[in-house]
Amino acid sequence: MTRPSRLNRAAILAQLKLAARKGDRVALTLAVEQMKVWALSPRYWEKYLDLLGHPMARLIDMTVIKQGDKIARQKGWVTTRRRPARPVRTAKPLAARSARVKPHPPAAQASLFPDLL
């Protein structure tokens, strides 16, 4: 019996279930590769997002593929927050550096067990 050449949700989930039930690494690798095809191709984004409705597929996405956020940003579903630019530090004149107060050494901490000394 030959496998159909097209990927479908049921086949990917069957591979994931087989990998989970029997610990089959080959099935897991096959399922991950098929999911990567969908995750990395804009043509299959809708199908991939539908696949992520299943908890095992979501777990694989979070641990292996990590494409969910990227797809959401590219689709415009999530806005990226930009951090404000840090101000550029300027060098202080030599006089300002030398006028700095030197920190005091920390006071010796009292022993928690004075009887043991």
N, C-alpha and C. Protein backbone atom coordinates (compact mmCIF):
# COMPACT_ATOMS: atom_id res chain seq x y z
N MET A 1 0.85 -1.17 0.00
CA MET A 1 0.00 0.00 0.00
C MET A 1 0.89 1.23 0.00
N THR A 2 0.63 2.16 -0.89
CA THR A 2 1.43 3.38 -0.96
C THR A 2 0.72 4.50 -0.24
N ARG A 3 1.53 5.36 0.36
CA ARG A 3 0.97 6.52 1.05
C ARG A 3 0.56 7.57 0.04
N PRO A 4 -0.49 8.32 0.33
CA PRO A 4 -0.82 9.43 -0.56
C PRO A 4 0.29 10.48 -0.51
N SER A 5 0.56 11.11 -1.64
CA SER A 5 1.66 12.06 -1.71
C SER A 5 1.33 13.38 -1.01
N ARG A 6 0.06 13.70 -0.89
CA ARG A 6 -0.33 14.96 -0.26
C ARG A 6 -0.41 14.79 1.25
N LEU A 7 -0.02 15.84 1.93
CA LEU A 7 -0.10 15.83 3.40
C LEU A 7 -1.52 16.18 3.80
N ASN A 8 -1.99 15.53 4.84
CA ASN A 8 -3.28 15.93 5.39
C ASN A 8 -3.22 15.87 6.90
N ARG A 9 -4.15 16.56 7.52
CA ARG A 9 -4.18 16.70 8.98
C ARG A 9 -4.28 15.35 9.67
N ALA A 10 -5.12 14.48 9.15
CA ALA A 10 -5.34 13.17 9.78
C ALA A 10 -4.06 12.34 9.76
N ALA A 11 -3.32 12.38 8.67
CA ALA A 11 -2.09 11.59 8.57
C ALA A 11 -1.03 12.10 9.56
N ILE A 12 -0.92 13.41 9.68
CA ILE A 12 0.06 13.98 10.60
C ILE A 12 -0.31 13.63 12.04
N LEU A 13 -1.58 13.76 12.37
CA LEU A 13 -2.02 13.44 13.73
C LEU A 13 -1.87 11.94 14.02
N ALA A 14 -2.09 11.09 13.01
CA ALA A 14 -1.90 9.65 13.21
C ALA A 14 -0.43 9.35 13.52
N GLN A 15 0.49 10.01 12.82
CA GLN A 15 1.91 9.81 13.09
C GLN A 15 2.26 10.29 14.51
N LEU A 16 1.70 11.44 14.91
CA LEU A 16 1.97 11.95 16.26
C LEU A 16 1.42 11.00 17.33
N LYS A 17 0.24 10.45 17.10
CA LYS A 17 -0.35 9.52 18.07
C LYS A 17 0.46 8.24 18.16
N LEU A 18 0.92 7.75 17.02
CA LEU A 18 1.75 6.55 17.01
C LEU A 18 3.05 6.80 17.77
N ALA A 19 3.65 7.95 17.55
CA ALA A 19 4.89 8.29 18.26
C ALA A 19 4.65 8.41 19.76
N ALA A 20 3.52 8.96 20.14
CA ALA A 20 3.22 9.13 21.56
C ALA A 20 2.90 7.79 22.22
N ARG A 21 2.20 6.92 21.51
CA ARG A 21 1.77 5.66 22.10
C ARG A 21 2.91 4.66 22.20
N LYS A 22 3.71 4.54 21.15
CA LYS A 22 4.74 3.52 21.12
C LYS A 22 6.15 4.06 21.30
N GLY A 23 6.30 5.39 21.35
CA GLY A 23 7.64 5.95 21.45
C GLY A 23 8.43 5.77 20.16
N ASP A 24 7.73 5.75 19.05
CA ASP A 24 8.35 5.49 17.76
C ASP A 24 9.03 6.76 17.24
N ARG A 25 10.36 6.76 17.20
CA ARG A 25 11.10 7.94 16.74
C ARG A 25 10.90 8.21 15.26
N VAL A 26 10.75 7.17 14.48
CA VAL A 26 10.55 7.34 13.04
C VAL A 26 9.23 8.06 12.79
N ALA A 27 8.19 7.66 13.49
CA ALA A 27 6.89 8.31 13.32
C ALA A 27 6.96 9.77 13.75
N LEU A 28 7.67 10.02 14.84
CA LEU A 28 7.81 11.41 15.31
C LEU A 28 8.58 12.25 14.29
N THR A 29 9.66 11.71 13.77
CA THR A 29 10.44 12.43 12.77
C THR A 29 9.62 12.72 11.53
N LEU A 30 8.86 11.72 11.10
CA LEU A 30 8.01 11.90 9.92
C LEU A 30 6.98 13.00 10.15
N ALA A 31 6.33 12.96 11.32
CA ALA A 31 5.31 13.97 11.63
C ALA A 31 5.92 15.35 11.72
N VAL A 32 7.08 15.47 12.34
CA VAL A 32 7.74 16.78 12.48
C VAL A 32 8.12 17.32 11.11
N GLU A 33 8.65 16.47 10.25
CA GLU A 33 9.02 16.93 8.90
C GLU A 33 7.80 17.38 8.12
N GLN A 34 6.70 16.64 8.24
CA GLN A 34 5.48 17.05 7.54
C GLN A 34 4.94 18.37 8.09
N MET A 35 5.04 18.54 9.40
CA MET A 35 4.59 19.79 10.00
C MET A 35 5.48 20.95 9.56
N LYS A 36 6.77 20.72 9.44
CA LYS A 36 7.69 21.77 8.99
C LYS A 36 7.36 22.23 7.58
N VAL A 37 6.95 21.28 6.74
CA VAL A 37 6.57 21.65 5.36
C VAL A 37 5.43 22.65 5.41
N TRP A 38 4.44 22.37 6.25
CA TRP A 38 3.31 23.29 6.37
C TRP A 38 3.70 24.59 7.05
N ALA A 39 4.53 24.51 8.08
CA ALA A 39 4.88 25.71 8.85
C ALA A 39 5.72 26.68 8.04
N LEU A 40 6.58 26.17 7.20
CA LEU A 40 7.52 27.04 6.48
C LEU A 40 7.01 27.47 5.12
N SER A 41 5.84 27.02 4.73
CA SER A 41 5.30 27.37 3.42
C SER A 41 4.08 28.27 3.57
N PRO A 42 4.13 29.47 3.01
CA PRO A 42 2.96 30.37 3.11
C PRO A 42 1.70 29.76 2.50
N ARG A 43 1.86 28.84 1.57
CA ARG A 43 0.72 28.21 0.92
C ARG A 43 -0.12 27.39 1.91
N TYR A 44 0.53 26.82 2.92
CA TYR A 44 -0.15 25.93 3.85
C TYR A 44 -0.39 26.54 5.23
N TRP A 45 -0.25 27.84 5.38
CA TRP A 45 -0.41 28.45 6.70
C TRP A 45 -1.78 28.18 7.30
N GLU A 46 -2.81 28.31 6.52
CA GLU A 46 -4.17 28.09 7.05
C GLU A 46 -4.33 26.66 7.54
N LYS A 47 -3.82 25.70 6.78
CA LYS A 47 -3.91 24.30 7.20
C LYS A 47 -3.08 24.06 8.46
N TYR A 48 -1.93 24.73 8.52
CA TYR A 48 -1.05 24.55 9.68
C TYR A 48 -1.72 25.11 10.93
N LEU A 49 -2.35 26.26 10.81
CA LEU A 49 -3.03 26.85 11.96
C LEU A 49 -4.21 25.98 12.40
N ASP A 50 -4.87 25.35 11.45
CA ASP A 50 -5.94 24.42 11.78
C ASP A 50 -5.36 23.20 12.51
N LEU A 51 -4.21 22.73 12.08
CA LEU A 51 -3.54 21.60 12.72
C LEU A 51 -3.16 21.93 14.16
N LEU A 52 -2.81 23.18 14.43
CA LEU A 52 -2.40 23.58 15.77
C LEU A 52 -3.56 23.57 16.77
N GLY A 53 -4.75 23.28 16.30
CA GLY A 53 -5.88 23.11 17.20
C GLY A 53 -5.75 21.85 18.04
N HIS A 54 -4.92 20.92 17.60
CA HIS A 54 -4.71 19.67 18.34
C HIS A 54 -3.58 19.86 19.35
N PRO A 55 -3.77 19.41 20.59
CA PRO A 55 -2.76 19.66 21.64
C PRO A 55 -1.38 19.07 21.33
N MET A 56 -1.32 17.88 20.74
CA MET A 56 -0.01 17.30 20.43
C MET A 56 0.72 18.10 19.35
N ALA A 57 -0.02 18.55 18.37
CA ALA A 57 0.59 19.35 17.31
C ALA A 57 1.08 20.68 17.87
N ARG A 58 0.33 21.24 18.80
CA ARG A 58 0.73 22.50 19.42
C ARG A 58 2.01 22.31 20.24
N LEU A 59 2.11 21.18 20.92
CA LEU A 59 3.31 20.88 21.71
C LEU A 59 4.52 20.73 20.80
N ILE A 60 4.36 20.05 19.68
CA ILE A 60 5.46 19.90 18.72
C ILE A 60 5.85 21.27 18.17
N ASP A 61 4.87 22.10 17.90
CA ASP A 61 5.16 23.44 17.37
C ASP A 61 5.97 24.25 18.37
N MET A 62 5.58 24.18 19.64
CA MET A 62 6.28 24.98 20.65
C MET A 62 7.69 24.47 20.92
N THR A 63 7.88 23.16 20.88
CA THR A 63 9.18 22.61 21.24
C THR A 63 10.13 22.45 20.07
N VAL A 64 9.62 22.17 18.89
CA VAL A 64 10.50 21.86 17.76
C VAL A 64 10.49 22.94 16.70
N ILE A 65 9.32 23.31 16.24
CA ILE A 65 9.23 24.17 15.06
C ILE A 65 9.29 25.64 15.42
N LYS A 66 8.56 26.05 16.44
CA LYS A 66 8.56 27.44 16.93
C LYS A 66 8.21 28.44 15.83
N GLN A 67 7.23 28.11 15.03
CA GLN A 67 6.84 28.97 13.92
C GLN A 67 5.54 29.72 14.17
N GLY A 68 4.80 29.36 15.21
CA GLY A 68 3.49 29.96 15.42
C GLY A 68 3.52 31.47 15.52
N ASP A 69 4.45 32.02 16.30
CA ASP A 69 4.55 33.47 16.45
C ASP A 69 4.96 34.13 15.15
N LYS A 70 5.86 33.49 14.42
CA LYS A 70 6.33 34.07 13.16
C LYS A 70 5.19 34.17 12.16
N ILE A 71 4.39 33.13 12.09
CA ILE A 71 3.25 33.14 11.17
C ILE A 71 2.25 34.22 11.57
N ALA A 72 1.99 34.32 12.86
CA ALA A 72 1.03 35.33 13.33
C ALA A 72 1.52 36.73 13.01
N ARG A 73 2.81 36.98 13.15
CA ARG A 73 3.35 38.31 12.82
C ARG A 73 3.25 38.57 11.32
N GLN A 74 3.58 37.57 10.51
CA GLN A 74 3.53 37.76 9.07
C GLN A 74 2.10 37.96 8.57
N LYS A 75 1.15 37.33 9.24
CA LYS A 75 -0.25 37.50 8.86
C LYS A 75 -0.83 38.81 9.39
N GLY A 76 -0.11 39.46 10.32
CA GLY A 76 -0.60 40.71 10.86
C GLY A 76 -1.53 40.52 12.04
N TRP A 77 -1.56 39.31 12.61
CA TRP A 77 -2.45 39.05 13.74
C TRP A 77 -1.86 39.56 15.04
N VAL A 78 -0.55 39.67 15.11
CA VAL A 78 0.13 40.12 16.32
C VAL A 78 1.04 41.28 15.93
N THR A 79 0.97 42.34 16.69
CA THR A 79 1.87 43.45 16.41
C THR A 79 3.13 43.28 17.23
N THR A 80 4.25 43.56 16.62
CA THR A 80 5.50 43.46 17.34
C THR A 80 5.73 44.75 18.10
N ARG A 81 6.15 44.62 19.35
CA ARG A 81 6.43 45.80 20.15
C ARG A 81 7.91 46.11 20.02
N ARG A 82 8.19 47.31 19.64
CA ARG A 82 9.59 47.73 19.56
C ARG A 82 10.00 48.35 20.87
N ARG A 83 11.19 48.05 21.28
CA ARG A 83 11.72 48.65 22.50
C ARG A 83 12.27 50.02 22.18
N PRO A 84 12.10 50.95 23.09
CA PRO A 84 12.66 52.28 22.83
C PRO A 84 14.19 52.20 22.80
N ALA A 85 14.76 53.01 21.96
CA ALA A 85 16.21 53.02 21.83
C ALA A 85 16.84 53.57 23.11
N ARG A 86 17.93 52.95 23.54
CA ARG A 86 18.62 53.44 24.73
C ARG A 86 19.41 54.69 24.37
N PRO A 87 19.42 55.66 25.27
CA PRO A 87 20.19 56.87 24.97
C PRO A 87 21.69 56.55 24.93
N VAL A 88 22.39 57.25 24.09
CA VAL A 88 23.82 57.05 23.94
C VAL A 88 24.54 57.71 25.10
N ARG A 89 25.41 56.96 25.74
CA ARG A 89 26.15 57.51 26.87
C ARG A 89 27.33 58.31 26.35
N THR A 90 27.52 59.46 26.92
CA THR A 90 28.66 60.29 26.53
C THR A 90 29.72 60.19 27.61
N ALA A 91 30.95 60.35 27.22
CA ALA A 91 32.06 60.29 28.17
C ALA A 91 32.05 61.53 29.05
N LYS A 92 32.22 61.33 30.36
CA LYS A 92 32.24 62.45 31.29
C LYS A 92 33.66 63.03 31.31
N PRO A 93 33.76 64.33 31.57
CA PRO A 93 35.09 64.92 31.67
C PRO A 93 35.85 64.31 32.86
N LEU A 94 37.18 64.41 32.82
CA LEU A 94 38.03 63.81 33.83
C LEU A 94 37.72 64.36 35.23
N ALA A 95 37.41 65.64 35.33
CA ALA A 95 37.11 66.25 36.62
C ALA A 95 35.84 65.63 37.23
N ALA A 96 34.85 65.35 36.43
CA ALA A 96 33.61 64.77 36.93
C ALA A 96 33.84 63.34 37.39
N ARG A 97 34.74 62.62 36.73
CA ARG A 97 35.03 61.24 37.12
C ARG A 97 35.76 61.19 38.45
N SER A 98 36.70 62.09 38.66
CA SER A 98 37.49 62.03 39.89
C SER A 98 36.69 62.54 41.10
N ALA A 99 35.65 63.34 40.87
CA ALA A 99 34.86 63.87 41.96
C ALA A 99 33.85 62.85 42.49
N ARG A 100 33.78 61.73 41.84
CA ARG A 100 32.83 60.69 42.25
C ARG A 100 33.17 60.19 43.65
N VAL A 101 32.17 59.93 44.43
CA VAL A 101 32.36 59.43 45.80
C VAL A 101 32.69 57.94 45.71
N LYS A 102 33.72 57.55 46.37
CA LYS A 102 34.12 56.15 46.37
C LYS A 102 33.24 55.39 47.36
N PRO A 103 32.78 54.21 46.99
CA PRO A 103 31.91 53.46 47.90
C PRO A 103 32.68 52.95 49.11
N HIS A 104 31.99 52.90 50.24
CA HIS A 104 32.58 52.38 51.46
C HIS A 104 32.59 50.86 51.42
N PRO A 105 33.57 50.24 52.03
CA PRO A 105 33.55 48.77 52.07
C PRO A 105 32.39 48.32 52.94
N PRO A 106 31.78 47.20 52.62
CA PRO A 106 30.62 46.76 53.40
C PRO A 106 31.02 46.43 54.83
N ALA A 107 30.13 46.72 55.76
CA ALA A 107 30.38 46.44 57.17
C ALA A 107 30.37 44.93 57.37
N ALA A 108 31.17 44.46 58.32
CA ALA A 108 31.22 43.04 58.61
C ALA A 108 29.88 42.60 59.19
N GLN A 109 29.37 41.52 58.64
CA GLN A 109 28.08 41.03 59.09
C GLN A 109 28.26 40.25 60.38
N ALA A 110 27.36 40.44 61.30
CA ALA A 110 27.40 39.73 62.58
C ALA A 110 27.15 38.26 62.31
N SER A 111 27.79 37.41 63.07
CA SER A 111 27.65 35.98 62.90
C SER A 111 26.25 35.53 63.30
N LEU A 112 25.71 34.60 62.56
CA LEU A 112 24.40 34.06 62.89
C LEU A 112 24.49 33.09 64.08
N PHE A 113 25.69 32.56 64.31
CA PHE A 113 25.89 31.61 65.41
C PHE A 113 27.05 32.10 66.27
N PRO A 114 26.82 33.10 67.13
CA PRO A 114 27.92 33.65 67.92
C PRO A 114 28.49 32.65 68.94
N ASP A 115 27.73 31.64 69.34
CA ASP A 115 28.21 30.67 70.32
C ASP A 115 29.29 29.75 69.74
N LEU A 116 29.32 29.60 68.45
CA LEU A 116 30.25 28.68 67.81
C LEU A 116 31.62 29.29 67.60
N LEU A 117 31.82 30.56 67.81
CA LEU A 117 33.11 31.20 67.56
C LEU A 117 34.07 30.89 68.61
